[in-house]
Amino acid sequence: MSTAHDLPAVAWRKSSYSNGEGGACLEVADGLPSSVPVRDSKIPSGHVLLLTRLSWSTFVDAVKSGSVSRN
């Protein structure tokens, strides 16, 4: 598992599914050719999950369809 310090050149953005009240917020980074870094916005220097593009796409599709809770 990586940390945000291992990825200094990426630009993080909050997921469009994150609420604006400081609750459960995911941040993702674009621009890596083979993976999508994901982190908890409340702990920006914490651990980062590196998902394959297919895994990220599958996760996003599941959230959009309601198969995964947004809470």
C-alpha atoms as a PDB file:
ATOM      1  CA  MET A   1       0.000   0.000   0.000  1.00  0.00           C
ATOM      2  CA  SER A   2       1.266   3.473  -0.842  1.00  0.00           C
ATOM      3  CA  THR A   3       0.923   6.781   0.917  1.00  0.00           C
ATOM      4  CA  ALA A   4       0.254  10.196  -0.555  1.00  0.00           C
ATOM      5  CA  HIS A   5       3.945  11.013  -0.031  1.00  0.00           C
ATOM      6  CA  ASP A   6       4.760   8.308  -2.602  1.00  0.00           C
ATOM      7  CA  LEU A   7       2.744  10.198  -5.233  1.00  0.00           C
ATOM      8  CA  PRO A   8       3.915  13.825  -4.997  1.00  0.00           C
ATOM      9  CA  ALA A   9       3.204  14.725  -8.625  1.00  0.00           C
ATOM     10  CA  VAL A  10      -0.488  13.792  -8.775  1.00  0.00           C
ATOM     11  CA  ALA A  11      -3.331  16.288  -8.475  1.00  0.00           C
ATOM     12  CA  TRP A  12      -6.067  15.100  -6.119  1.00  0.00           C
ATOM     13  CA  ARG A  13      -9.750  15.899  -6.598  1.00  0.00           C
ATOM     14  CA  LYS A  14     -12.794  15.057  -4.497  1.00  0.00           C
ATOM     15  CA  SER A  15     -15.186  12.487  -5.823  1.00  0.00           C
ATOM     16  CA  SER A  16     -18.433  13.927  -7.137  1.00  0.00           C
ATOM     17  CA  TYR A  17     -20.178  11.497  -4.774  1.00  0.00           C
ATOM     18  CA  SER A  18     -18.545  13.007  -1.676  1.00  0.00           C
ATOM     19  CA  ASN A  19     -20.803  15.165   0.416  1.00  0.00           C
ATOM     20  CA  GLY A  20     -19.913  18.798   1.033  1.00  0.00           C
ATOM     21  CA  GLU A  21     -20.285  18.559   4.789  1.00  0.00           C
ATOM     22  CA  GLY A  22     -16.868  17.143   5.614  1.00  0.00           C
ATOM     23  CA  GLY A  23     -18.180  13.610   5.915  1.00  0.00           C
ATOM     24  CA  ALA A  24     -17.129  10.561   3.970  1.00  0.00           C
ATOM     25  CA  CYS A  25     -15.014  11.972   1.151  1.00  0.00           C
ATOM     26  CA  LEU A  26     -12.969  10.108  -1.376  1.00  0.00           C
ATOM     27  CA  GLU A  27     -10.281  11.800  -3.379  1.00  0.00           C
ATOM     28  CA  VAL A  28      -8.942  10.398  -6.616  1.00  0.00           C
ATOM     29  CA  ALA A  29      -6.001  11.370  -8.780  1.00  0.00           C
ATOM     30  CA  ASP A  30      -5.974  11.300 -12.554  1.00  0.00           C
ATOM     31  CA  GLY A  31      -3.106  10.961 -14.925  1.00  0.00           C
ATOM     32  CA  LEU A  32      -1.442   7.685 -13.973  1.00  0.00           C
ATOM     33  CA  PRO A  33      -1.477   5.345 -16.960  1.00  0.00           C
ATOM     34  CA  SER A  34      -2.294   2.053 -15.269  1.00  0.00           C
ATOM     35  CA  SER A  35      -3.903   2.887 -11.940  1.00  0.00           C
ATOM     36  CA  VAL A  36      -6.263   5.205 -10.098  1.00  0.00           C
ATOM     37  CA  PRO A  37      -5.043   6.370  -6.683  1.00  0.00           C
ATOM     38  CA  VAL A  38      -7.803   6.758  -4.076  1.00  0.00           C
ATOM     39  CA  ARG A  39      -7.494   8.249  -0.579  1.00  0.00           C
ATOM     40  CA  ASP A  40      -9.570   9.505   2.339  1.00  0.00           C
ATOM     41  CA  SER A  41      -9.721  13.294   2.122  1.00  0.00           C
ATOM     42  CA  LYS A  42      -9.801  13.573   5.917  1.00  0.00           C
ATOM     43  CA  ILE A  43      -6.325  11.952   6.070  1.00  0.00           C
ATOM     44  CA  PRO A  44      -4.473  13.347   3.037  1.00  0.00           C
ATOM     45  CA  SER A  45      -1.089  12.073   4.187  1.00  0.00           C
ATOM     46  CA  GLY A  46      -2.497   8.617   4.935  1.00  0.00           C
ATOM     47  CA  HIS A  47      -2.663   5.457   2.897  1.00  0.00           C
ATOM     48  CA  VAL A  48      -3.561   5.413  -0.771  1.00  0.00           C
ATOM     49  CA  LEU A  49      -5.274   2.569  -2.568  1.00  0.00           C
ATOM     50  CA  LEU A  50      -3.981   2.016  -6.084  1.00  0.00           C
ATOM     51  CA  LEU A  51      -6.803   0.511  -8.104  1.00  0.00           C
ATOM     52  CA  THR A  52      -6.593  -0.761 -11.635  1.00  0.00           C
ATOM     53  CA  ARG A  53      -8.606   1.284 -14.102  1.00  0.00           C
ATOM     54  CA  LEU A  54     -10.990  -1.671 -14.488  1.00  0.00           C
ATOM     55  CA  SER A  55     -11.490  -1.961 -10.711  1.00  0.00           C
ATOM     56  CA  TRP A  56     -12.162   1.779 -10.418  1.00  0.00           C
ATOM     57  CA  SER A  57     -14.633   1.687 -13.305  1.00  0.00           C
ATOM     58  CA  THR A  58     -16.417  -1.299 -11.762  1.00  0.00           C
ATOM     59  CA  PHE A  59     -16.621   0.486  -8.397  1.00  0.00           C
ATOM     60  CA  VAL A  60     -17.986   3.705  -9.941  1.00  0.00           C
ATOM     61  CA  ASP A  61     -20.586   1.749 -11.931  1.00  0.00           C
ATOM     62  CA  ALA A  62     -21.681  -0.050  -8.735  1.00  0.00           C
ATOM     63  CA  VAL A  63     -22.074   3.258  -6.882  1.00  0.00           C
ATOM     64  CA  LYS A  64     -24.063   4.753  -9.764  1.00  0.00           C
ATOM     65  CA  SER A  65     -26.382   1.737  -9.868  1.00  0.00           C
ATOM     66  CA  GLY A  66     -26.949   1.800  -6.105  1.00  0.00           C
ATOM     67  CA  SER A  67     -25.214  -1.520  -5.469  1.00  0.00           C
ATOM     68  CA  VAL A  68     -22.761   0.187  -3.102  1.00  0.00           C
ATOM     69  CA  SER A  69     -23.889   2.375  -0.242  1.00  0.00           C
ATOM     70  CA  ARG A  70     -22.758   5.989  -0.359  1.00  0.00           C
ATOM     71  CA  ASN A  71     -22.713   6.209   3.441  1.00  0.00           C
END
